[in-house]
Amino acid sequence: MKDKFRAQLLFAVTMAGLLAACVPAFAHHGSSISYDLKKTVTLKATVSEFVWSNPHCQIFFDVKDDHGNVVRWGAETNGPGALAKDGWTKTTLKPGDEATIVVFPAKIGRPYGLLSKVVFAGGKELVTVSPETAAGRKDGQPDY
């Protein structure tokens, strides 16, 4: 009887551990759930920080609103490996850089989005997610 109880307890603990390990993976994916992939917002920005880290790099930047107030925006993008394949480095964006930043905005209305592209002052463009690629996504599909 004791051995049967131990086996059941071990099975229950193992299953709970596996379930707990899977939940973050499911919660993490699904750009179309968090961002409006049917529209983009184009912002004239001054970069304040570029975070080069896994699982996703992030850009933080300041934008003047219609009243001249500075609003801090943020954008999530691909991880360093994917960005490096597209020509990015950890020094691609530096604090003080002026750029036009295009994002798919957050559905919750906060000044945050999924990065579509950056257009530098000299005209160079780095695209991470094109509107055409985003249009083909469905809810629940993995991030870009």
N, C-alpha and C. Protein backbone atom coordinates (compact mmCIF):
# COMPACT_ATOMS: atom_id res chain seq x y z
N MET A 1 0.82 -1.19 0.00
CA MET A 1 0.00 0.00 0.00
C MET A 1 0.86 1.25 0.00
N LYS A 2 1.93 1.25 0.81
CA LYS A 2 2.84 2.40 0.87
C LYS A 2 3.52 2.62 -0.48
N ASP A 3 3.94 1.55 -1.13
CA ASP A 3 4.62 1.67 -2.43
C ASP A 3 3.69 2.25 -3.48
N LYS A 4 2.43 1.83 -3.45
CA LYS A 4 1.46 2.36 -4.42
C LYS A 4 1.25 3.87 -4.18
N PHE A 5 1.15 4.27 -2.92
CA PHE A 5 0.98 5.69 -2.58
C PHE A 5 2.20 6.49 -3.04
N ARG A 6 3.40 5.97 -2.80
CA ARG A 6 4.62 6.66 -3.24
C ARG A 6 4.66 6.81 -4.76
N ALA A 7 4.29 5.77 -5.47
CA ALA A 7 4.28 5.83 -6.93
C ALA A 7 3.28 6.87 -7.42
N GLN A 8 2.10 6.92 -6.81
CA GLN A 8 1.10 7.92 -7.20
C GLN A 8 1.57 9.33 -6.87
N LEU A 9 2.19 9.49 -5.72
CA LEU A 9 2.70 10.80 -5.32
C LEU A 9 3.81 11.25 -6.28
N LEU A 10 4.72 10.34 -6.61
CA LEU A 10 5.80 10.66 -7.54
C LEU A 10 5.23 11.04 -8.90
N PHE A 11 4.24 10.30 -9.37
CA PHE A 11 3.60 10.62 -10.65
C PHE A 11 2.96 12.01 -10.60
N ALA A 12 2.23 12.31 -9.53
CA ALA A 12 1.55 13.61 -9.41
C ALA A 12 2.54 14.76 -9.37
N VAL A 13 3.63 14.60 -8.62
CA VAL A 13 4.64 15.65 -8.52
C VAL A 13 5.33 15.84 -9.88
N THR A 14 5.63 14.76 -10.57
CA THR A 14 6.27 14.84 -11.88
C THR A 14 5.35 15.56 -12.88
N MET A 15 4.08 15.20 -12.89
CA MET A 15 3.14 15.83 -13.81
C MET A 15 2.98 17.32 -13.49
N ALA A 16 2.91 17.67 -12.23
CA ALA A 16 2.79 19.09 -11.83
C ALA A 16 4.03 19.87 -12.27
N GLY A 17 5.19 19.26 -12.13
CA GLY A 17 6.43 19.92 -12.56
C GLY A 17 6.47 20.13 -14.06
N LEU A 18 6.06 19.13 -14.82
CA LEU A 18 6.02 19.26 -16.28
C LEU A 18 5.03 20.33 -16.72
N LEU A 19 3.88 20.34 -16.08
CA LEU A 19 2.87 21.35 -16.41
C LEU A 19 3.38 22.76 -16.10
N ALA A 20 4.00 22.91 -14.96
CA ALA A 20 4.54 24.22 -14.57
C ALA A 20 5.62 24.69 -15.55
N ALA A 21 6.41 23.76 -16.05
CA ALA A 21 7.47 24.11 -17.01
C ALA A 21 6.89 24.52 -18.36
N CYS A 22 5.74 24.00 -18.73
CA CYS A 22 5.14 24.30 -20.04
C CYS A 22 4.38 25.62 -20.06
N VAL A 23 3.82 26.04 -18.95
CA VAL A 23 2.99 27.24 -18.93
C VAL A 23 3.72 28.47 -19.45
N PRO A 24 4.97 28.77 -19.01
CA PRO A 24 5.63 29.96 -19.55
C PRO A 24 5.85 29.89 -21.06
N ALA A 25 6.09 28.73 -21.59
CA ALA A 25 6.30 28.60 -23.04
C ALA A 25 5.03 28.96 -23.80
N PHE A 26 3.88 28.52 -23.32
CA PHE A 26 2.63 28.86 -23.99
C PHE A 26 2.30 30.34 -23.81
N ALA A 27 2.55 30.89 -22.67
CA ALA A 27 2.23 32.29 -22.40
C ALA A 27 3.11 33.21 -23.23
N HIS A 28 4.31 32.81 -23.54
CA HIS A 28 5.28 33.66 -24.22
C HIS A 28 4.92 33.90 -25.68
N HIS A 29 4.35 32.94 -26.34
CA HIS A 29 4.14 33.03 -27.77
C HIS A 29 2.81 33.66 -28.14
N GLY A 30 2.77 34.23 -29.33
CA GLY A 30 1.52 34.77 -29.84
C GLY A 30 1.53 36.27 -30.00
N SER A 31 2.33 36.79 -30.94
CA SER A 31 2.38 38.23 -31.17
C SER A 31 1.03 38.80 -31.53
N SER A 32 0.22 38.04 -32.26
CA SER A 32 -1.07 38.56 -32.70
C SER A 32 -2.04 38.72 -31.54
N ILE A 33 -1.75 38.11 -30.42
CA ILE A 33 -2.60 38.27 -29.24
C ILE A 33 -2.26 39.58 -28.54
N SER A 34 -1.01 39.96 -28.51
CA SER A 34 -0.57 41.16 -27.80
C SER A 34 -0.56 42.42 -28.65
N TYR A 35 -0.32 42.27 -29.94
CA TYR A 35 -0.13 43.43 -30.83
C TYR A 35 -1.15 43.42 -31.96
N ASP A 36 -1.51 44.63 -32.41
CA ASP A 36 -2.43 44.76 -33.54
C ASP A 36 -1.60 44.65 -34.82
N LEU A 37 -1.59 43.48 -35.42
CA LEU A 37 -0.77 43.23 -36.60
C LEU A 37 -1.43 43.70 -37.89
N LYS A 38 -2.57 44.37 -37.77
CA LYS A 38 -3.25 44.89 -38.95
C LYS A 38 -2.94 46.36 -39.18
N LYS A 39 -2.26 47.00 -38.24
CA LYS A 39 -1.91 48.41 -38.44
C LYS A 39 -0.54 48.69 -37.85
N THR A 40 0.09 49.72 -38.40
CA THR A 40 1.38 50.16 -37.88
C THR A 40 1.28 51.61 -37.42
N VAL A 41 2.18 51.97 -36.53
CA VAL A 41 2.30 53.35 -36.06
C VAL A 41 3.72 53.78 -36.38
N THR A 42 3.86 54.92 -37.06
CA THR A 42 5.18 55.45 -37.43
C THR A 42 5.52 56.61 -36.49
N LEU A 43 6.69 56.52 -35.86
CA LEU A 43 7.07 57.48 -34.83
C LEU A 43 8.45 58.08 -35.11
N LYS A 44 8.56 59.39 -35.02
CA LYS A 44 9.87 60.06 -35.06
C LYS A 44 10.41 59.97 -33.64
N ALA A 45 11.57 59.36 -33.48
CA ALA A 45 12.02 59.01 -32.14
C ALA A 45 13.47 59.36 -31.87
N THR A 46 13.76 59.47 -30.59
CA THR A 46 15.13 59.57 -30.10
C THR A 46 15.37 58.36 -29.21
N VAL A 47 16.31 57.53 -29.58
CA VAL A 47 16.60 56.29 -28.85
C VAL A 47 17.13 56.63 -27.46
N SER A 48 16.58 55.97 -26.45
CA SER A 48 17.11 56.14 -25.09
C SER A 48 17.86 54.89 -24.62
N GLU A 49 17.45 53.71 -25.13
CA GLU A 49 18.13 52.47 -24.73
C GLU A 49 17.84 51.37 -25.74
N PHE A 50 18.84 50.55 -25.99
CA PHE A 50 18.69 49.37 -26.84
C PHE A 50 19.20 48.19 -26.04
N VAL A 51 18.30 47.28 -25.70
CA VAL A 51 18.63 46.12 -24.87
C VAL A 51 18.85 44.93 -25.79
N TRP A 52 20.08 44.45 -25.87
CA TRP A 52 20.49 43.33 -26.72
C TRP A 52 20.52 42.09 -25.84
N SER A 53 19.39 41.38 -25.72
CA SER A 53 19.36 40.22 -24.84
C SER A 53 18.28 39.24 -25.29
N ASN A 54 18.40 38.01 -24.84
CA ASN A 54 17.40 36.97 -25.10
C ASN A 54 16.30 37.08 -24.06
N PRO A 55 15.09 36.69 -24.35
CA PRO A 55 14.66 36.06 -25.59
C PRO A 55 14.35 37.07 -26.70
N HIS A 56 14.14 38.35 -26.32
CA HIS A 56 13.83 39.38 -27.30
C HIS A 56 14.61 40.64 -26.98
N CYS A 57 15.16 41.27 -28.00
CA CYS A 57 15.78 42.58 -27.82
C CYS A 57 14.66 43.61 -27.68
N GLN A 58 14.98 44.71 -27.01
CA GLN A 58 13.99 45.77 -26.82
C GLN A 58 14.62 47.12 -27.11
N ILE A 59 13.79 48.01 -27.62
CA ILE A 59 14.22 49.38 -27.88
C ILE A 59 13.31 50.29 -27.07
N PHE A 60 13.91 51.24 -26.37
CA PHE A 60 13.16 52.25 -25.66
C PHE A 60 13.51 53.59 -26.28
N PHE A 61 12.48 54.41 -26.53
CA PHE A 61 12.72 55.65 -27.25
C PHE A 61 11.69 56.70 -26.85
N ASP A 62 12.07 57.96 -27.04
CA ASP A 62 11.22 59.08 -26.70
C ASP A 62 10.59 59.66 -27.95
N VAL A 63 9.30 59.99 -27.84
CA VAL A 63 8.52 60.53 -28.94
C VAL A 63 7.75 61.74 -28.42
N LYS A 64 7.73 62.82 -29.18
CA LYS A 64 6.91 63.98 -28.81
C LYS A 64 5.50 63.76 -29.32
N ASP A 65 4.52 63.92 -28.42
CA ASP A 65 3.12 63.78 -28.83
C ASP A 65 2.63 65.08 -29.49
N ASP A 66 1.37 65.13 -29.83
CA ASP A 66 0.79 66.28 -30.53
C ASP A 66 0.86 67.59 -29.73
N HIS A 67 1.03 67.46 -28.42
CA HIS A 67 1.09 68.63 -27.54
C HIS A 67 2.52 68.99 -27.15
N GLY A 68 3.50 68.30 -27.72
CA GLY A 68 4.90 68.58 -27.41
C GLY A 68 5.43 67.86 -26.19
N ASN A 69 4.60 67.03 -25.56
CA ASN A 69 5.04 66.26 -24.41
C ASN A 69 5.84 65.05 -24.87
N VAL A 70 6.89 64.72 -24.11
CA VAL A 70 7.71 63.55 -24.45
C VAL A 70 7.08 62.30 -23.83
N VAL A 71 6.87 61.30 -24.67
CA VAL A 71 6.31 60.02 -24.23
C VAL A 71 7.35 58.94 -24.46
N ARG A 72 7.63 58.16 -23.44
CA ARG A 72 8.57 57.04 -23.55
C ARG A 72 7.85 55.85 -24.15
N TRP A 73 8.34 55.38 -25.29
CA TRP A 73 7.81 54.22 -25.97
C TRP A 73 8.79 53.06 -25.82
N GLY A 74 8.31 51.86 -26.06
CA GLY A 74 9.15 50.69 -26.09
C GLY A 74 8.71 49.79 -27.23
N ALA A 75 9.63 48.98 -27.72
CA ALA A 75 9.30 48.03 -28.78
C ALA A 75 10.07 46.74 -28.55
N GLU A 76 9.37 45.65 -28.69
CA GLU A 76 9.95 44.31 -28.62
C GLU A 76 10.32 43.89 -30.02
N THR A 77 11.41 43.16 -30.14
CA THR A 77 11.79 42.65 -31.45
C THR A 77 12.36 41.25 -31.30
N ASN A 78 12.98 40.75 -32.33
CA ASN A 78 13.56 39.41 -32.31
C ASN A 78 14.72 39.33 -31.34
N GLY A 79 15.19 38.12 -31.09
CA GLY A 79 16.36 37.91 -30.25
C GLY A 79 17.63 38.27 -31.00
N PRO A 80 18.74 38.35 -30.29
CA PRO A 80 20.01 38.74 -30.91
C PRO A 80 20.42 37.89 -32.11
N GLY A 81 20.20 36.59 -32.06
CA GLY A 81 20.59 35.72 -33.17
C GLY A 81 19.87 36.06 -34.46
N ALA A 82 18.55 36.24 -34.36
CA ALA A 82 17.76 36.59 -35.54
C ALA A 82 18.11 37.99 -36.04
N LEU A 83 18.30 38.93 -35.12
CA LEU A 83 18.66 40.29 -35.55
C LEU A 83 20.02 40.31 -36.23
N ALA A 84 20.97 39.56 -35.70
CA ALA A 84 22.31 39.52 -36.29
C ALA A 84 22.26 39.03 -37.73
N LYS A 85 21.40 38.07 -38.02
CA LYS A 85 21.25 37.57 -39.39
C LYS A 85 20.74 38.66 -40.33
N ASP A 86 20.01 39.63 -39.76
CA ASP A 86 19.46 40.74 -40.56
C ASP A 86 20.37 41.96 -40.56
N GLY A 87 21.58 41.83 -40.02
CA GLY A 87 22.53 42.93 -40.06
C GLY A 87 22.62 43.80 -38.82
N TRP A 88 21.89 43.45 -37.77
CA TRP A 88 21.94 44.21 -36.53
C TRP A 88 23.14 43.79 -35.69
N THR A 89 23.61 44.70 -34.85
CA THR A 89 24.60 44.40 -33.80
C THR A 89 24.13 45.06 -32.52
N LYS A 90 24.82 44.78 -31.43
CA LYS A 90 24.41 45.39 -30.16
C LYS A 90 24.65 46.90 -30.14
N THR A 91 25.36 47.42 -31.13
CA THR A 91 25.60 48.86 -31.20
C THR A 91 24.84 49.52 -32.37
N THR A 92 23.90 48.80 -32.97
CA THR A 92 23.14 49.36 -34.09
C THR A 92 22.40 50.63 -33.66
N LEU A 93 21.83 50.60 -32.48
CA LEU A 93 21.13 51.77 -31.93
C LEU A 93 21.82 52.20 -30.65
N LYS A 94 22.04 53.51 -30.55
CA LYS A 94 22.70 54.07 -29.36
C LYS A 94 21.84 55.19 -28.80
N PRO A 95 21.92 55.41 -27.48
CA PRO A 95 21.17 56.53 -26.90
C PRO A 95 21.49 57.83 -27.64
N GLY A 96 20.44 58.57 -27.95
CA GLY A 96 20.59 59.83 -28.67
C GLY A 96 20.39 59.71 -30.17
N ASP A 97 20.43 58.49 -30.72
CA ASP A 97 20.20 58.30 -32.15
C ASP A 97 18.78 58.76 -32.51
N GLU A 98 18.68 59.48 -33.63
CA GLU A 98 17.38 59.90 -34.16
C GLU A 98 16.99 58.89 -35.24
N ALA A 99 15.75 58.44 -35.20
CA ALA A 99 15.28 57.46 -36.18
C ALA A 99 13.77 57.53 -36.30
N THR A 100 13.26 56.98 -37.39
CA THR A 100 11.83 56.76 -37.53
C THR A 100 11.61 55.30 -37.20
N ILE A 101 10.74 55.05 -36.24
CA ILE A 101 10.50 53.69 -35.78
C ILE A 101 9.05 53.33 -36.07
N VAL A 102 8.86 52.19 -36.73
CA VAL A 102 7.53 51.72 -37.09
C VAL A 102 7.23 50.48 -36.25
N VAL A 103 6.10 50.51 -35.55
CA VAL A 103 5.71 49.39 -34.69
C VAL A 103 4.28 48.96 -34.99
N PHE A 104 3.99 47.70 -34.65
CA PHE A 104 2.63 47.22 -34.56
C PHE A 104 2.24 47.50 -33.11
N PRO A 105 1.24 48.36 -32.87
CA PRO A 105 0.98 48.81 -31.50
C PRO A 105 0.38 47.74 -30.60
N ALA A 106 0.61 47.92 -29.30
CA ALA A 106 0.03 47.02 -28.30
C ALA A 106 -1.49 47.17 -28.32
N LYS A 107 -2.19 46.08 -28.17
CA LYS A 107 -3.66 46.11 -28.18
C LYS A 107 -4.22 46.78 -26.93
N ILE A 108 -3.44 46.86 -25.87
CA ILE A 108 -3.96 47.44 -24.62
C ILE A 108 -3.82 48.96 -24.59
N GLY A 109 -3.33 49.57 -25.68
CA GLY A 109 -3.27 51.01 -25.76
C GLY A 109 -2.08 51.67 -25.10
N ARG A 110 -1.14 50.92 -24.63
CA ARG A 110 0.05 51.49 -24.01
C ARG A 110 1.07 51.86 -25.09
N PRO A 111 2.00 52.75 -24.79
CA PRO A 111 3.01 53.15 -25.78
C PRO A 111 4.09 52.08 -25.93
N TYR A 112 3.70 50.97 -26.50
CA TYR A 112 4.59 49.83 -26.68
C TYR A 112 4.15 49.11 -27.94
N GLY A 113 5.07 48.42 -28.59
CA GLY A 113 4.69 47.69 -29.78
C GLY A 113 5.70 46.64 -30.19
N LEU A 114 5.36 45.93 -31.24
CA LEU A 114 6.25 44.96 -31.87
C LEU A 114 6.95 45.69 -33.01
N LEU A 115 8.27 45.70 -33.01
CA LEU A 115 9.01 46.45 -34.00
C LEU A 115 8.80 45.90 -35.41
N SER A 116 8.48 46.80 -36.33
CA SER A 116 8.39 46.44 -37.74
C SER A 116 9.68 46.84 -38.45
N LYS A 117 10.07 48.12 -38.29
CA LYS A 117 11.32 48.55 -38.92
C LYS A 117 11.83 49.83 -38.27
N VAL A 118 13.11 50.08 -38.52
CA VAL A 118 13.77 51.31 -38.10
C VAL A 118 14.34 51.95 -39.36
N VAL A 119 14.07 53.25 -39.52
CA VAL A 119 14.64 54.02 -40.63
C VAL A 119 15.58 55.04 -39.99
N PHE A 120 16.86 54.91 -40.31
CA PHE A 120 17.87 55.80 -39.73
C PHE A 120 17.88 57.14 -40.44
N ALA A 121 18.49 58.14 -39.80
CA ALA A 121 18.54 59.50 -40.34
C ALA A 121 19.11 59.51 -41.76
N GLY A 122 20.07 58.65 -42.07
CA GLY A 122 20.67 58.61 -43.40
C GLY A 122 19.84 57.86 -44.43
N GLY A 123 18.69 57.30 -44.01
CA GLY A 123 17.82 56.59 -44.94
C GLY A 123 17.93 55.07 -44.89
N LYS A 124 18.94 54.55 -44.22
CA LYS A 124 19.09 53.09 -44.11
C LYS A 124 17.92 52.52 -43.32
N GLU A 125 17.38 51.38 -43.79
CA GLU A 125 16.26 50.72 -43.13
C GLU A 125 16.66 49.33 -42.67
N LEU A 126 16.21 48.97 -41.47
CA LEU A 126 16.33 47.60 -41.00
C LEU A 126 14.92 47.13 -40.65
N VAL A 127 14.46 46.10 -41.36
CA VAL A 127 13.11 45.57 -41.17
C VAL A 127 13.19 44.31 -40.33
N THR A 128 12.27 44.19 -39.36
CA THR A 128 12.21 42.96 -38.57
C THR A 128 10.95 42.16 -38.92
N VAL A 129 9.81 42.84 -39.02
CA VAL A 129 8.55 42.19 -39.39
C VAL A 129 7.84 43.11 -40.37
N SER A 130 7.67 42.67 -41.59
CA SER A 130 6.98 43.50 -42.58
C SER A 130 5.47 43.39 -42.36
N PRO A 131 4.72 44.41 -42.76
CA PRO A 131 3.25 44.30 -42.67
C PRO A 131 2.71 43.12 -43.47
N GLU A 132 3.35 42.77 -44.57
CA GLU A 132 2.90 41.62 -45.37
C GLU A 132 3.08 40.31 -44.60
N THR A 133 4.20 40.19 -43.91
CA THR A 133 4.44 38.99 -43.09
C THR A 133 3.45 38.94 -41.95
N ALA A 134 3.23 40.08 -41.30
CA ALA A 134 2.32 40.15 -40.16
C ALA A 134 0.89 39.80 -40.58
N ALA A 135 0.49 40.21 -41.78
CA ALA A 135 -0.88 39.97 -42.25
C ALA A 135 -1.18 38.48 -42.36
N GLY A 136 -0.16 37.66 -42.56
CA GLY A 136 -0.36 36.23 -42.69
C GLY A 136 -0.39 35.48 -41.38
N ARG A 137 -0.20 36.18 -40.27
CA ARG A 137 -0.16 35.52 -38.97
C ARG A 137 -1.57 35.29 -38.43
N LYS A 138 -1.72 34.24 -37.62
CA LYS A 138 -2.98 33.95 -36.97
C LYS A 138 -2.75 33.93 -35.46
N ASP A 139 -3.80 34.20 -34.69
CA ASP A 139 -3.69 34.16 -33.22
C ASP A 139 -3.08 32.84 -32.76
N GLY A 140 -2.18 32.97 -31.79
CA GLY A 140 -1.57 31.79 -31.20
C GLY A 140 -0.33 31.30 -31.92
N GLN A 141 0.00 31.85 -33.07
CA GLN A 141 1.23 31.42 -33.74
C GLN A 141 2.42 32.00 -33.01
N PRO A 142 3.57 31.35 -33.11
CA PRO A 142 4.76 31.83 -32.40
C PRO A 142 5.17 33.24 -32.80
N ASP A 143 5.93 33.88 -31.91
CA ASP A 143 6.49 35.20 -32.18
C ASP A 143 7.43 35.14 -33.37
N TYR A 144 7.78 36.30 -33.84
CA TYR A 144 8.68 36.43 -34.98
C TYR A 144 10.10 36.26 -34.54
